[in-house]
Amino acid sequence: MKRFLTPLVVLGLAGTLVLTGCAKKEEPAGTSTDSTLSLGDLPQQASPAPESTYTPAPEPAPEPVAATPAPTKPKPARTKPRPAPKPAPEDPGVTVPAGTALALTMDAEVTTKDKVVGDTFTATLSNDVVVDGKVIFPAGSKVSGHVAEAERPGKSSGRGKMVLSYDSISANDKSYAIDTMGAAIVGKSGTAGDATKVVGGAAVGAILGKILGGKAAVGAAIGAAAGGAGAMATRGPDPVVKAGATVNVSLDRSVVVK
């Protein structure tokens, strides 16, 4: 039995050694095949020639860079002109109606004796002028005017006549046109004085006629003529507004006070 097992063991060991040697011989052959295939895969153009130096392809020249233009200043934006501010609404003011009474005190005497058409005068407002509870023209305001008409009385008979025009009133540092015409101022008549003189002359003529032996009618006529001559030599009184006198006038038109 031992004899039979010993050759078997030897044969097994020998077989093992043979297989091992075969495997070692086959390994280099496989490696050589793989190396050949690997080198064959390289492209012919990229593979360097034997015994030569590989030179890389030249890099492409850089493209020229365009010159950057100098920055320009931006044009200023056009601004629309601002609209002009709307004017403030005008103050309508207060209206002093036509017919408003003015009480005036004359600053100086005005008479046809020394005043002619166009001569000026002044007066002072005596009372406040009130509209809607508000004083528009305070007392003390100055009024300016002029003589619009001046007619002296005749030597024989008739009356003198004077008309005053009130032009403006100054109040609160402003002047306002009033354009108001006053009533005509007529002087006193000289008729009474003239009649007395005529009658007196007639009586004296009658007395003289009797003394002289003439008729009474003739004497009266002589006296009347003498009396008439005396009357013609005397003027009637001139129209006059004395200084300090109060004159009441009414506005001929309305006046707007602002």
C-alpha atoms as a PDB file:
ATOM      1  CA  MET A   1       0.000   0.000   0.000  1.00  0.00           C
ATOM      2  CA  LYS A   2       2.756   2.405   0.905  1.00  0.00           C
ATOM      3  CA  ARG A   3       4.508   1.454  -2.264  1.00  0.00           C
ATOM      4  CA  PHE A   4       1.468   2.323  -4.265  1.00  0.00           C
ATOM      5  CA  LEU A   5       0.936   5.733  -2.598  1.00  0.00           C
ATOM      6  CA  THR A   6       4.493   6.941  -2.939  1.00  0.00           C
ATOM      7  CA  PRO A   7       4.599   6.971  -6.713  1.00  0.00           C
ATOM      8  CA  LEU A   8       1.270   8.768  -6.786  1.00  0.00           C
ATOM      9  CA  VAL A   9       2.548  11.517  -4.569  1.00  0.00           C
ATOM     10  CA  VAL A  10       5.629  11.919  -6.655  1.00  0.00           C
ATOM     11  CA  LEU A  11       3.591  12.114  -9.802  1.00  0.00           C
ATOM     12  CA  GLY A  12       1.344  14.739  -8.201  1.00  0.00           C
ATOM     13  CA  LEU A  13       4.245  16.910  -7.170  1.00  0.00           C
ATOM     14  CA  ALA A  14       5.786  16.609 -10.589  1.00  0.00           C
ATOM     15  CA  GLY A  15       2.543  17.646 -12.234  1.00  0.00           C
ATOM     16  CA  THR A  16       2.304  20.628 -10.006  1.00  0.00           C
ATOM     17  CA  LEU A  17       5.786  21.809 -10.861  1.00  0.00           C
ATOM     18  CA  VAL A  18       5.094  21.407 -14.604  1.00  0.00           C
ATOM     19  CA  LEU A  19       1.958  23.511 -14.398  1.00  0.00           C
ATOM     20  CA  THR A  20       3.764  26.186 -12.468  1.00  0.00           C
ATOM     21  CA  GLY A  21       6.531  26.484 -15.020  1.00  0.00           C
ATOM     22  CA  CYS A  22       4.084  26.717 -17.872  1.00  0.00           C
ATOM     23  CA  ALA A  23       2.266  29.535 -16.207  1.00  0.00           C
ATOM     24  CA  LYS A  24       5.488  31.503 -15.758  1.00  0.00           C
ATOM     25  CA  LYS A  25       6.377  31.079 -19.460  1.00  0.00           C
ATOM     26  CA  GLU A  26       2.996  32.270 -20.696  1.00  0.00           C
ATOM     27  CA  GLU A  27       3.039  35.551 -18.639  1.00  0.00           C
ATOM     28  CA  PRO A  28       5.831  37.345 -20.557  1.00  0.00           C
ATOM     29  CA  ALA A  29       4.211  36.407 -23.838  1.00  0.00           C
ATOM     30  CA  GLY A  30       0.932  38.056 -22.812  1.00  0.00           C
ATOM     31  CA  THR A  31       2.769  41.129 -21.673  1.00  0.00           C
ATOM     32  CA  SER A  32       4.574  41.484 -24.993  1.00  0.00           C
ATOM     33  CA  THR A  33       1.311  41.240 -26.908  1.00  0.00           C
ATOM     34  CA  ASP A  34      -0.282  43.917 -24.815  1.00  0.00           C
ATOM     35  CA  SER A  35       2.708  46.238 -25.299  1.00  0.00           C
ATOM     36  CA  THR A  36       2.573  45.841 -29.046  1.00  0.00           C
ATOM     37  CA  LEU A  37      -1.100  46.632 -29.183  1.00  0.00           C
ATOM     38  CA  SER A  38      -0.657  49.684 -26.972  1.00  0.00           C
ATOM     39  CA  LEU A  39       2.035  51.198 -29.181  1.00  0.00           C
ATOM     40  CA  GLY A  40       0.019  50.424 -32.296  1.00  0.00           C
ATOM     41  CA  ASP A  41      -2.878  52.482 -31.058  1.00  0.00           C
ATOM     42  CA  LEU A  42      -0.877  55.762 -31.150  1.00  0.00           C
ATOM     43  CA  PRO A  43      -1.586  57.907 -34.281  1.00  0.00           C
ATOM     44  CA  GLN A  44       1.240  58.089 -36.736  1.00  0.00           C
ATOM     45  CA  GLN A  45       1.236  61.897 -36.930  1.00  0.00           C
ATOM     46  CA  ALA A  46       1.495  62.378 -33.167  1.00  0.00           C
ATOM     47  CA  SER A  47       4.151  59.661 -32.720  1.00  0.00           C
ATOM     48  CA  PRO A  48       7.664  61.131 -32.824  1.00  0.00           C
ATOM     49  CA  ALA A  49      10.055  59.775 -35.390  1.00  0.00           C
ATOM     50  CA  PRO A  50      12.799  57.597 -33.946  1.00  0.00           C
ATOM     51  CA  GLU A  51      15.951  59.443 -32.911  1.00  0.00           C
ATOM     52  CA  SER A  52      14.269  62.975 -33.424  1.00  0.00           C
ATOM     53  CA  THR A  53      13.243  65.803 -31.062  1.00  0.00           C
ATOM     54  CA  TYR A  54       9.516  66.592 -30.696  1.00  0.00           C
ATOM     55  CA  THR A  55       8.713  70.194 -31.530  1.00  0.00           C
ATOM     56  CA  PRO A  56       5.297  71.510 -30.426  1.00  0.00           C
ATOM     57  CA  ALA A  57       3.125  73.374 -32.942  1.00  0.00           C
ATOM     58  CA  PRO A  58       3.494  77.211 -32.756  1.00  0.00           C
ATOM     59  CA  GLU A  59       0.775  79.013 -30.831  1.00  0.00           C
ATOM     60  CA  PRO A  60      -1.524  81.226 -32.953  1.00  0.00           C
ATOM     61  CA  ALA A  61      -0.700  84.944 -32.941  1.00  0.00           C
ATOM     62  CA  PRO A  62      -2.971  86.983 -30.660  1.00  0.00           C
ATOM     63  CA  GLU A  63      -5.660  88.964 -32.381  1.00  0.00           C
ATOM     64  CA  PRO A  64      -5.017  92.732 -32.467  1.00  0.00           C
ATOM     65  CA  VAL A  65      -6.908  94.573 -29.772  1.00  0.00           C
ATOM     66  CA  ALA A  66      -8.965  97.527 -31.014  1.00  0.00           C
ATOM     67  CA  ALA A  67      -8.034 100.862 -29.482  1.00  0.00           C
ATOM     68  CA  THR A  68     -10.494 101.952 -26.844  1.00  0.00           C
ATOM     69  CA  PRO A  69     -11.885 105.440 -27.680  1.00  0.00           C
ATOM     70  CA  ALA A  70     -11.352 108.128 -25.098  1.00  0.00           C
ATOM     71  CA  PRO A  71     -14.372 108.597 -22.885  1.00  0.00           C
ATOM     72  CA  THR A  72     -16.513 111.546 -23.903  1.00  0.00           C
ATOM     73  CA  LYS A  73     -18.352 113.746 -21.477  1.00  0.00           C
ATOM     74  CA  PRO A  74     -22.071 113.135 -21.585  1.00  0.00           C
ATOM     75  CA  LYS A  75     -24.115 116.006 -22.898  1.00  0.00           C
ATOM     76  CA  PRO A  76     -26.030 117.730 -20.159  1.00  0.00           C
ATOM     77  CA  ALA A  77     -29.635 116.771 -20.160  1.00  0.00           C
ATOM     78  CA  ARG A  78     -31.944 119.495 -21.338  1.00  0.00           C
ATOM     79  CA  THR A  79     -34.142 120.583 -18.539  1.00  0.00           C
ATOM     80  CA  LYS A  80     -37.529 121.980 -19.272  1.00  0.00           C
ATOM     81  CA  PRO A  81     -37.903 125.570 -18.132  1.00  0.00           C
ATOM     82  CA  ARG A  82     -39.956 125.902 -15.039  1.00  0.00           C
ATOM     83  CA  PRO A  83     -43.275 127.566 -15.658  1.00  0.00           C
ATOM     84  CA  ALA A  84     -43.535 131.062 -14.322  1.00  0.00           C
ATOM     85  CA  PRO A  85     -45.299 131.176 -10.981  1.00  0.00           C
ATOM     86  CA  LYS A  86     -48.878 132.228 -11.203  1.00  0.00           C
ATOM     87  CA  PRO A  87     -49.447 135.729  -9.902  1.00  0.00           C
ATOM     88  CA  ALA A  88     -51.249 135.988  -6.641  1.00  0.00           C
ATOM     89  CA  PRO A  89     -54.902 136.866  -7.048  1.00  0.00           C
ATOM     90  CA  GLU A  90     -55.394 140.593  -6.999  1.00  0.00           C
ATOM     91  CA  ASP A  91     -57.091 142.048  -3.976  1.00  0.00           C
ATOM     92  CA  PRO A  92     -60.509 143.298  -5.163  1.00  0.00           C
ATOM     93  CA  GLY A  93     -60.466 145.945  -2.457  1.00  0.00           C
ATOM     94  CA  VAL A  94     -63.416 147.712  -0.865  1.00  0.00           C
ATOM     95  CA  THR A  95     -65.818 149.820  -2.885  1.00  0.00           C
ATOM     96  CA  VAL A  96     -67.028 153.092  -1.457  1.00  0.00           C
ATOM     97  CA  PRO A  97     -70.336 153.523  -3.275  1.00  0.00           C
ATOM     98  CA  ALA A  98     -71.412 156.606  -5.151  1.00  0.00           C
ATOM     99  CA  GLY A  99     -73.510 158.927  -3.024  1.00  0.00           C
ATOM    100  CA  THR A 100     -71.374 158.435   0.113  1.00  0.00           C
ATOM    101  CA  ALA A 101     -71.385 161.685   2.094  1.00  0.00           C
ATOM    102  CA  LEU A 102     -68.143 163.465   2.936  1.00  0.00           C
ATOM    103  CA  ALA A 103     -68.030 166.157   5.614  1.00  0.00           C
ATOM    104  CA  LEU A 104     -65.099 168.471   4.876  1.00  0.00           C
ATOM    105  CA  THR A 105     -63.517 171.344   6.762  1.00  0.00           C
ATOM    106  CA  MET A 106     -61.943 174.020   4.556  1.00  0.00           C
ATOM    107  CA  ASP A 107     -58.283 174.637   5.366  1.00  0.00           C
ATOM    108  CA  ALA A 108     -58.319 178.202   3.983  1.00  0.00           C
ATOM    109  CA  GLU A 109     -60.832 180.709   2.655  1.00  0.00           C
ATOM    110  CA  VAL A 110     -61.900 180.285  -0.956  1.00  0.00           C
ATOM    111  CA  THR A 111     -63.684 183.194  -2.679  1.00  0.00           C
ATOM    112  CA  THR A 112     -64.124 184.654  -6.132  1.00  0.00           C
ATOM    113  CA  LYS A 113     -62.510 187.808  -4.829  1.00  0.00           C
ATOM    114  CA  ASP A 114     -59.051 186.259  -5.107  1.00  0.00           C
ATOM    115  CA  LYS A 115     -59.635 182.867  -6.773  1.00  0.00           C
ATOM    116  CA  VAL A 116     -60.064 182.135 -10.447  1.00  0.00           C
ATOM    117  CA  VAL A 117     -60.819 178.980 -12.397  1.00  0.00           C
ATOM    118  CA  GLY A 118     -58.055 176.358 -11.913  1.00  0.00           C
ATOM    119  CA  ASP A 119     -56.827 177.644  -8.541  1.00  0.00           C
ATOM    120  CA  THR A 120     -56.413 174.825  -5.987  1.00  0.00           C
ATOM    121  CA  PHE A 121     -57.478 174.422  -2.382  1.00  0.00           C
ATOM    122  CA  THR A 122     -57.374 171.759   0.346  1.00  0.00           C
ATOM    123  CA  ALA A 123     -59.810 170.512   2.937  1.00  0.00           C
ATOM    124  CA  THR A 124     -59.761 167.950   5.763  1.00  0.00           C
ATOM    125  CA  LEU A 125     -62.172 165.047   6.220  1.00  0.00           C
ATOM    126  CA  SER A 126     -64.131 165.705   9.404  1.00  0.00           C
ATOM    127  CA  ASN A 127     -65.664 162.252  10.001  1.00  0.00           C
ATOM    128  CA  ASP A 128     -64.671 158.647   9.286  1.00  0.00           C
ATOM    129  CA  VAL A 129     -66.016 157.080   6.109  1.00  0.00           C
ATOM    130  CA  VAL A 130     -67.129 153.544   7.077  1.00  0.00           C
ATOM    131  CA  VAL A 131     -68.069 150.702   4.697  1.00  0.00           C
ATOM    132  CA  ASP A 132     -69.289 147.335   6.040  1.00  0.00           C
ATOM    133  CA  GLY A 133     -68.097 148.239   9.517  1.00  0.00           C
ATOM    134  CA  LYS A 134     -64.560 149.072   8.336  1.00  0.00           C
ATOM    135  CA  VAL A 135     -63.070 152.567   8.329  1.00  0.00           C
ATOM    136  CA  ILE A 136     -61.990 153.256   4.746  1.00  0.00           C
ATOM    137  CA  PHE A 137     -61.229 156.970   4.914  1.00  0.00           C
ATOM    138  CA  PRO A 138     -60.364 158.012   8.475  1.00  0.00           C
ATOM    139  CA  ALA A 139     -61.094 161.471   9.789  1.00  0.00           C
ATOM    140  CA  GLY A 140     -58.160 163.773   9.101  1.00  0.00           C
ATOM    141  CA  SER A 141     -57.628 162.507   5.550  1.00  0.00           C
ATOM    142  CA  LYS A 142     -56.686 165.296   3.153  1.00  0.00           C
ATOM    143  CA  VAL A 143     -58.851 166.260   0.184  1.00  0.00           C
ATOM    144  CA  SER A 144     -57.470 168.261  -2.740  1.00  0.00           C
ATOM    145  CA  GLY A 145     -59.587 170.259  -5.187  1.00  0.00           C
ATOM    146  CA  HIS A 146     -59.713 173.168  -7.585  1.00  0.00           C
ATOM    147  CA  VAL A 147     -62.027 176.037  -8.528  1.00  0.00           C
ATOM    148  CA  ALA A 148     -64.109 174.826 -11.455  1.00  0.00           C
ATOM    149  CA  GLU A 149     -66.151 178.014 -11.930  1.00  0.00           C
ATOM    150  CA  ALA A 150     -65.731 181.563 -10.620  1.00  0.00           C
ATOM    151  CA  GLU A 151     -67.979 184.488 -11.482  1.00  0.00           C
ATOM    152  CA  ARG A 152     -67.907 187.743  -9.620  1.00  0.00           C
ATOM    153  CA  PRO A 153     -71.106 189.822  -9.137  1.00  0.00           C
ATOM    154  CA  GLY A 154     -71.743 192.683 -11.569  1.00  0.00           C
ATOM    155  CA  LYS A 155     -71.512 196.379 -10.659  1.00  0.00           C
ATOM    156  CA  SER A 156     -75.170 197.108 -11.365  1.00  0.00           C
ATOM    157  CA  SER A 157     -76.917 193.933 -10.259  1.00  0.00           C
ATOM    158  CA  GLY A 158     -76.651 190.101 -10.194  1.00  0.00           C
ATOM    159  CA  ARG A 159     -74.992 187.579  -7.977  1.00  0.00           C
ATOM    160  CA  GLY A 160     -71.547 186.067  -7.971  1.00  0.00           C
ATOM    161  CA  LYS A 161     -71.177 182.293  -8.480  1.00  0.00           C
ATOM    162  CA  MET A 162     -68.481 179.740  -7.538  1.00  0.00           C
ATOM    163  CA  VAL A 163     -68.242 175.964  -8.076  1.00  0.00           C
ATOM    164  CA  LEU A 164     -65.605 173.802  -6.357  1.00  0.00           C
ATOM    165  CA  SER A 165     -64.402 170.434  -7.654  1.00  0.00           C
ATOM    166  CA  TYR A 166     -62.991 167.832  -5.221  1.00  0.00           C
ATOM    167  CA  ASP A 167     -60.360 165.799  -7.029  1.00  0.00           C
ATOM    168  CA  SER A 168     -58.714 163.313  -4.678  1.00  0.00           C
ATOM    169  CA  ILE A 169     -58.510 162.063  -1.122  1.00  0.00           C
ATOM    170  CA  SER A 170     -55.340 160.789   0.555  1.00  0.00           C
ATOM    171  CA  ALA A 171     -55.654 158.064   3.174  1.00  0.00           C
ATOM    172  CA  ASN A 172     -53.284 155.412   4.547  1.00  0.00           C
ATOM    173  CA  ASP A 173     -50.395 156.744   2.430  1.00  0.00           C
ATOM    174  CA  LYS A 174     -52.372 156.337  -0.805  1.00  0.00           C
ATOM    175  CA  SER A 175     -54.277 158.763  -2.989  1.00  0.00           C
ATOM    176  CA  TYR A 176     -57.649 157.981  -4.572  1.00  0.00           C
ATOM    177  CA  ALA A 177     -59.423 159.973  -7.281  1.00  0.00           C
ATOM    178  CA  ILE A 178     -62.927 160.998  -6.273  1.00  0.00           C
ATOM    179  CA  ASP A 179     -63.791 163.452  -9.066  1.00  0.00           C
ATOM    180  CA  THR A 180     -66.701 165.023  -7.176  1.00  0.00           C
ATOM    181  CA  MET A 181     -68.288 168.351  -8.069  1.00  0.00           C
ATOM    182  CA  GLY A 182     -69.738 170.441  -5.291  1.00  0.00           C
ATOM    183  CA  ALA A 183     -72.931 172.468  -5.457  1.00  0.00           C
ATOM    184  CA  ALA A 184     -72.766 175.983  -6.839  1.00  0.00           C
ATOM    185  CA  ILE A 185     -72.090 178.645  -4.218  1.00  0.00           C
ATOM    186  CA  VAL A 186     -74.013 181.833  -5.048  1.00  0.00           C
ATOM    187  CA  GLY A 187     -73.288 185.168  -3.419  1.00  0.00           C
ATOM    188  CA  LYS A 188     -75.942 187.266  -1.747  1.00  0.00           C
ATOM    189  CA  SER A 189     -78.001 189.546  -3.917  1.00  0.00           C
ATOM    190  CA  GLY A 190     -77.308 193.333  -3.875  1.00  0.00           C
ATOM    191  CA  THR A 191     -80.925 194.163  -4.895  1.00  0.00           C
ATOM    192  CA  ALA A 192     -82.070 195.349  -1.452  1.00  0.00           C
ATOM    193  CA  GLY A 193     -79.188 197.768  -1.132  1.00  0.00           C
ATOM    194  CA  ASP A 194     -79.654 199.024  -4.669  1.00  0.00           C
ATOM    195  CA  ALA A 195     -83.397 199.698  -4.126  1.00  0.00           C
ATOM    196  CA  THR A 196     -82.708 201.657  -0.974  1.00  0.00           C
ATOM    197  CA  LYS A 197     -80.264 203.803  -2.789  1.00  0.00           C
ATOM    198  CA  VAL A 198     -82.679 204.409  -5.641  1.00  0.00           C
ATOM    199  CA  VAL A 199     -85.554 205.281  -3.307  1.00  0.00           C
ATOM    200  CA  GLY A 200     -83.352 207.588  -1.285  1.00  0.00           C
ATOM    201  CA  GLY A 201     -82.228 209.389  -4.400  1.00  0.00           C
ATOM    202  CA  ALA A 202     -85.814 209.872  -5.558  1.00  0.00           C
ATOM    203  CA  ALA A 203     -86.810 211.396  -2.232  1.00  0.00           C
ATOM    204  CA  VAL A 204     -83.905 213.770  -2.312  1.00  0.00           C
ATOM    205  CA  GLY A 205     -84.800 214.718  -5.912  1.00  0.00           C
ATOM    206  CA  ALA A 206     -88.375 215.486  -4.935  1.00  0.00           C
ATOM    207  CA  ILE A 207     -87.240 217.705  -2.135  1.00  0.00           C
ATOM    208  CA  LEU A 208     -84.819 219.468  -4.425  1.00  0.00           C
ATOM    209  CA  GLY A 209     -87.590 219.942  -7.017  1.00  0.00           C
ATOM    210  CA  LYS A 210     -89.827 221.675  -4.545  1.00  0.00           C
ATOM    211  CA  ILE A 211     -87.039 223.878  -3.338  1.00  0.00           C
ATOM    212  CA  LEU A 212     -86.156 224.805  -6.837  1.00  0.00           C
ATOM    213  CA  GLY A 213     -89.839 225.430  -7.660  1.00  0.00           C
ATOM    214  CA  GLY A 214     -90.054 222.601 -10.092  1.00  0.00           C
ATOM    215  CA  LYS A 215     -92.601 219.855 -10.275  1.00  0.00           C
ATOM    216  CA  ALA A 216     -92.393 216.881  -7.947  1.00  0.00           C
ATOM    217  CA  ALA A 217     -92.228 214.377 -10.841  1.00  0.00           C
ATOM    218  CA  VAL A 218     -89.268 216.098 -12.309  1.00  0.00           C
ATOM    219  CA  GLY A 219     -87.545 216.111  -8.932  1.00  0.00           C
ATOM    220  CA  ALA A 220     -88.214 212.414  -8.445  1.00  0.00           C
ATOM    221  CA  ALA A 221     -86.700 211.598 -11.817  1.00  0.00           C
ATOM    222  CA  ILE A 222     -83.620 213.576 -11.005  1.00  0.00           C
ATOM    223  CA  GLY A 223     -83.337 211.799  -7.655  1.00  0.00           C
ATOM    224  CA  ALA A 224     -83.744 208.360  -9.215  1.00  0.00           C
ATOM    225  CA  ALA A 225     -81.006 209.062 -11.708  1.00  0.00           C
ATOM    226  CA  ALA A 226     -78.718 210.152  -8.912  1.00  0.00           C
ATOM    227  CA  GLY A 227     -79.578 207.064  -6.882  1.00  0.00           C
ATOM    228  CA  GLY A 228     -79.009 204.775  -9.863  1.00  0.00           C
ATOM    229  CA  ALA A 229     -75.575 206.180 -10.401  1.00  0.00           C
ATOM    230  CA  GLY A 230     -74.722 205.397  -6.779  1.00  0.00           C
ATOM    231  CA  ALA A 231     -75.956 201.810  -7.121  1.00  0.00           C
ATOM    232  CA  MET A 232     -73.868 201.106 -10.210  1.00  0.00           C
ATOM    233  CA  ALA A 233     -70.759 202.136  -8.356  1.00  0.00           C
ATOM    234  CA  THR A 234     -71.238 199.336  -5.732  1.00  0.00           C
ATOM    235  CA  ARG A 235     -70.590 195.553  -6.278  1.00  0.00           C
ATOM    236  CA  GLY A 236     -72.552 192.791  -4.582  1.00  0.00           C
ATOM    237  CA  PRO A 237     -70.772 190.421  -2.164  1.00  0.00           C
ATOM    238  CA  ASP A 238     -68.437 187.758  -3.619  1.00  0.00           C
ATOM    239  CA  PRO A 239     -69.266 184.081  -3.035  1.00  0.00           C
ATOM    240  CA  VAL A 240     -67.023 182.796  -0.255  1.00  0.00           C
ATOM    241  CA  VAL A 241     -66.304 179.668   1.801  1.00  0.00           C
ATOM    242  CA  LYS A 242     -64.504 180.727   4.935  1.00  0.00           C
ATOM    243  CA  ALA A 243     -61.627 178.840   6.531  1.00  0.00           C
ATOM    244  CA  GLY A 244     -62.900 176.300   9.077  1.00  0.00           C
ATOM    245  CA  ALA A 245     -66.365 176.144   7.456  1.00  0.00           C
ATOM    246  CA  THR A 246     -67.913 172.688   6.978  1.00  0.00           C
ATOM    247  CA  VAL A 247     -68.803 171.673   3.436  1.00  0.00           C
ATOM    248  CA  ASN A 248     -70.908 168.558   2.780  1.00  0.00           C
ATOM    249  CA  VAL A 249     -70.461 166.805  -0.540  1.00  0.00           C
ATOM    250  CA  SER A 250     -71.463 163.400  -1.931  1.00  0.00           C
ATOM    251  CA  LEU A 251     -69.326 161.151  -4.141  1.00  0.00           C
ATOM    252  CA  ASP A 252     -70.372 161.386  -7.769  1.00  0.00           C
ATOM    253  CA  ARG A 253     -68.994 157.906  -8.482  1.00  0.00           C
ATOM    254  CA  SER A 254     -67.842 154.860  -6.552  1.00  0.00           C
ATOM    255  CA  VAL A 255     -64.228 154.583  -5.369  1.00  0.00           C
ATOM    256  CA  VAL A 256     -62.339 151.285  -5.026  1.00  0.00           C
ATOM    257  CA  VAL A 257     -59.915 151.258  -2.119  1.00  0.00           C
ATOM    258  CA  LYS A 258     -57.245 148.515  -1.879  1.00  0.00           C
END
